[in-house]
Amino acid sequence: MLLTKGFHVVYCDVAEMFGNEKCMGIWDRFYKALRSAGFAKKAAMFGFSRGDFTYTGGRPSIRIA
């Protein structure tokens, strides 16, 4: 239902990287690609690994859902 209202589901695979610097770089590039594609500046992110929370913790412009 949410997809029909304009919501999107995207995925970035950083499994087993434990929020290291390489992981953060991947997330930065992923976020920039989404912004370039017209996605909102404050994305709602659902974290299901350690790296997701490490990434959003240092970036107050991103909200964790």
C-alpha atoms as a PDB file:
ATOM      1  CA  MET A   1       0.000   0.000   0.000  1.00  0.00           C
ATOM      2  CA  LEU A   2       2.782   2.465   0.831  1.00  0.00           C
ATOM      3  CA  LEU A   3       4.482   1.828  -2.510  1.00  0.00           C
ATOM      4  CA  THR A   4       1.339   2.959  -4.335  1.00  0.00           C
ATOM      5  CA  LYS A   5       1.508   6.232  -2.361  1.00  0.00           C
ATOM      6  CA  GLY A   6       5.040   7.084  -3.472  1.00  0.00           C
ATOM      7  CA  PHE A   7       7.083   5.357  -0.788  1.00  0.00           C
ATOM      8  CA  HIS A   8      10.181   3.470  -1.898  1.00  0.00           C
ATOM      9  CA  VAL A   9      12.116   0.542  -0.534  1.00  0.00           C
ATOM     10  CA  VAL A  10      15.847   0.534  -1.243  1.00  0.00           C
ATOM     11  CA  TYR A  11      18.643  -1.666   0.031  1.00  0.00           C
ATOM     12  CA  CYS A  12      22.360  -1.232   0.565  1.00  0.00           C
ATOM     13  CA  ASP A  13      24.347  -4.388   1.335  1.00  0.00           C
ATOM     14  CA  VAL A  14      27.089  -3.735   3.879  1.00  0.00           C
ATOM     15  CA  ALA A  15      26.826  -7.088   5.624  1.00  0.00           C
ATOM     16  CA  GLU A  16      29.586  -8.045   8.053  1.00  0.00           C
ATOM     17  CA  MET A  17      31.376  -4.692   7.724  1.00  0.00           C
ATOM     18  CA  PHE A  18      30.526  -3.732  11.308  1.00  0.00           C
ATOM     19  CA  GLY A  19      30.255  -0.012  10.512  1.00  0.00           C
ATOM     20  CA  ASN A  20      33.911   0.369   9.478  1.00  0.00           C
ATOM     21  CA  GLU A  21      35.221   3.224   7.299  1.00  0.00           C
ATOM     22  CA  LYS A  22      34.703   1.291   4.055  1.00  0.00           C
ATOM     23  CA  CYS A  23      31.094   0.703   5.102  1.00  0.00           C
ATOM     24  CA  MET A  24      30.591   4.415   5.825  1.00  0.00           C
ATOM     25  CA  GLY A  25      31.933   5.284   2.372  1.00  0.00           C
ATOM     26  CA  ILE A  26      29.477   2.884   0.750  1.00  0.00           C
ATOM     27  CA  TRP A  27      26.608   4.456   2.707  1.00  0.00           C
ATOM     28  CA  ASP A  28      27.750   7.973   1.727  1.00  0.00           C
ATOM     29  CA  ARG A  29      27.785   7.049  -1.971  1.00  0.00           C
ATOM     30  CA  PHE A  30      24.429   5.276  -1.633  1.00  0.00           C
ATOM     31  CA  TYR A  31      22.869   8.305   0.084  1.00  0.00           C
ATOM     32  CA  LYS A  32      24.290  10.693  -2.563  1.00  0.00           C
ATOM     33  CA  ALA A  33      22.909   8.473  -5.343  1.00  0.00           C
ATOM     34  CA  LEU A  34      19.461   8.532  -3.742  1.00  0.00           C
ATOM     35  CA  ARG A  35      19.588  12.323  -3.357  1.00  0.00           C
ATOM     36  CA  SER A  36      20.656  12.680  -7.007  1.00  0.00           C
ATOM     37  CA  ALA A  37      17.666  10.548  -7.987  1.00  0.00           C
ATOM     38  CA  GLY A  38      15.329  12.976  -6.216  1.00  0.00           C
ATOM     39  CA  PHE A  39      14.798  11.224  -2.890  1.00  0.00           C
ATOM     40  CA  ALA A  40      14.152  13.323   0.223  1.00  0.00           C
ATOM     41  CA  LYS A  41      17.078  14.783   2.192  1.00  0.00           C
ATOM     42  CA  LYS A  42      15.799  13.233   5.421  1.00  0.00           C
ATOM     43  CA  ALA A  43      15.302   9.609   4.575  1.00  0.00           C
ATOM     44  CA  ALA A  44      13.662   7.281   7.059  1.00  0.00           C
ATOM     45  CA  MET A  45      16.039   4.379   7.468  1.00  0.00           C
ATOM     46  CA  PHE A  46      15.341   1.030   9.028  1.00  0.00           C
ATOM     47  CA  GLY A  47      18.547  -0.361  10.432  1.00  0.00           C
ATOM     48  CA  PHE A  48      18.988  -4.078  10.750  1.00  0.00           C
ATOM     49  CA  SER A  49      22.740  -4.229  11.174  1.00  0.00           C
ATOM     50  CA  ARG A  50      25.396  -2.519  13.242  1.00  0.00           C
ATOM     51  CA  GLY A  51      26.565  -0.361  10.329  1.00  0.00           C
ATOM     52  CA  ASP A  52      23.190   1.302   9.808  1.00  0.00           C
ATOM     53  CA  PHE A  53      23.168   2.786  13.279  1.00  0.00           C
ATOM     54  CA  THR A  54      26.827   3.819  13.111  1.00  0.00           C
ATOM     55  CA  TYR A  55      26.115   5.675   9.861  1.00  0.00           C
ATOM     56  CA  THR A  56      23.027   7.549  10.998  1.00  0.00           C
ATOM     57  CA  GLY A  57      24.422   8.320  14.466  1.00  0.00           C
ATOM     58  CA  GLY A  58      26.962  10.741  13.013  1.00  0.00           C
ATOM     59  CA  ARG A  59      24.585  12.313  10.508  1.00  0.00           C
ATOM     60  CA  PRO A  60      21.736  14.245  12.172  1.00  0.00           C
ATOM     61  CA  SER A  61      20.142  15.053   8.791  1.00  0.00           C
ATOM     62  CA  ILE A  62      19.124  11.392   8.468  1.00  0.00           C
ATOM     63  CA  ARG A  63      16.298   9.985  10.581  1.00  0.00           C
ATOM     64  CA  ILE A  64      16.148   6.373  11.677  1.00  0.00           C
ATOM     65  CA  ALA A  65      12.701   4.794  11.392  1.00  0.00           C
END
